[in-house]
Protein backbone atom coordinates (compact mmCIF):
# COMPACT_ATOMS: atom_id res chain seq x y z
CA MET A 1 -21.45 5.70 -0.33
CA LYS A 2 -23.32 7.70 2.27
CA GLU A 3 -21.49 10.88 3.28
CA GLY A 4 -22.71 10.91 6.89
CA VAL A 5 -21.37 7.41 7.45
CA TRP A 6 -18.05 8.31 5.81
CA GLU A 7 -17.77 11.38 8.06
CA GLN A 8 -18.32 9.19 11.14
CA TYR A 9 -15.70 6.73 9.90
CA ALA A 10 -13.17 9.53 9.31
CA THR A 11 -13.90 10.98 12.76
CA GLU A 12 -13.31 7.58 14.39
CA LEU A 13 -10.03 7.22 12.48
CA GLY A 14 -9.00 10.62 13.83
CA SER A 15 -9.89 9.55 17.34
CA ARG A 16 -7.76 6.43 17.00
CA LEU A 17 -4.83 8.50 15.73
CA ARG A 18 -5.19 10.84 18.71
CA GLN A 19 -5.35 7.93 21.18
CA ALA A 20 -2.30 6.23 19.69
CA ARG A 21 -0.38 9.51 19.78
CA ALA A 22 -1.34 10.07 23.43
CA VAL A 23 -0.04 6.60 24.33
CA ARG A 24 3.30 7.49 22.74
CA GLY A 25 3.32 10.87 24.47
CA LEU A 26 4.26 12.72 21.29
CA SER A 27 3.09 16.01 19.82
CA GLN A 28 1.15 16.29 16.60
CA GLU A 29 4.13 18.06 15.07
CA ARG A 30 6.51 15.22 15.96
CA ILE A 31 4.20 12.54 14.57
CA ALA A 32 3.68 14.57 11.39
CA HIS A 33 7.42 15.13 10.92
CA GLU A 34 8.30 11.47 11.43
CA ALA A 35 5.55 10.38 9.03
CA GLY A 36 6.61 12.89 6.38
CA LEU A 37 3.46 15.01 6.66
CA ALA A 38 2.85 18.68 7.24
CA ALA A 39 1.70 19.33 10.81
CA PHE A 40 -1.46 20.97 9.46
CA THR A 41 -2.27 17.84 7.45
CA TYR A 42 -1.88 15.62 10.49
CA GLN A 43 -4.00 17.95 12.63
CA LYS A 44 -6.77 17.73 10.04
CA LEU A 45 -6.55 13.92 10.04
CA GLU A 46 -7.00 13.86 13.82
CA LYS A 47 -10.10 16.02 13.33
CA GLY A 48 -11.38 13.60 10.70
CA GLU A 49 -11.40 16.14 7.89
CA SER A 50 -9.30 17.07 4.90
CA ARG A 51 -10.75 20.55 4.48
CA PRO A 52 -13.69 22.24 6.21
CA GLY A 53 -16.80 20.17 5.62
CA ALA A 54 -15.01 17.30 3.85
CA PRO A 55 -14.18 14.03 5.62
CA ALA A 56 -10.57 12.87 5.74
CA ASN A 57 -9.48 10.50 3.00
CA PRO A 58 -5.79 9.74 3.63
CA THR A 59 -3.75 7.68 1.20
CA LEU A 60 -2.64 4.17 2.03
CA ARG A 61 0.94 5.44 2.14
CA THR A 62 -0.03 8.03 4.76
CA LEU A 63 -1.85 5.46 6.89
CA VAL A 64 1.04 2.99 6.75
CA SER A 65 3.54 5.74 7.66
CA LEU A 66 1.42 6.86 10.60
CA ALA A 67 0.97 3.30 11.86
CA ALA A 68 4.75 2.81 11.75
CA VAL A 69 5.47 6.07 13.58
CA LEU A 70 2.79 5.35 16.18
CA ASP A 71 4.04 1.75 16.55
CA VAL A 72 0.60 0.25 15.97
CA SER A 73 -0.79 -2.00 13.28
CA LEU A 74 -2.81 -0.53 10.46
CA ALA A 75 -5.72 -2.63 11.72
CA ASP A 76 -5.48 -0.84 15.08
CA LEU A 77 -5.88 2.53 13.38
CA LEU A 78 -8.74 1.64 11.07
CA PRO A 79 -12.24 1.46 12.53
CA ASP A 80 -14.48 -1.44 11.62
CA ILE A 81 -16.12 -0.83 8.26
CA PRO A 82 -19.82 -0.08 8.70
CA ASP A 83 -22.17 -1.97 6.39
CA ALA A 84 -23.41 1.35 5.00
CA LEU A 85 -19.97 2.07 3.52
CA THR A 86 -20.03 -1.08 1.42
CA GLU A 87 -23.55 -0.67 0.04
């Protein structure tokens, strides 16, 4: 898997989280609390990273929880998978 492509994918996921949160009009802290995450963890997901220099890689449980809290489908949160990620 190519790291640059994965970083772009994680960044797009973060952007979709941010957009869905804005639609709901909720703070990062509120979304994190309702999803059972630390606020810092959620903030990093919105930035597309898990730690400095490393792309986000949330668990399926985290993604499903966030989709439920944000009242969107998991498919709405996940960007299309670029061909380069499946090579």
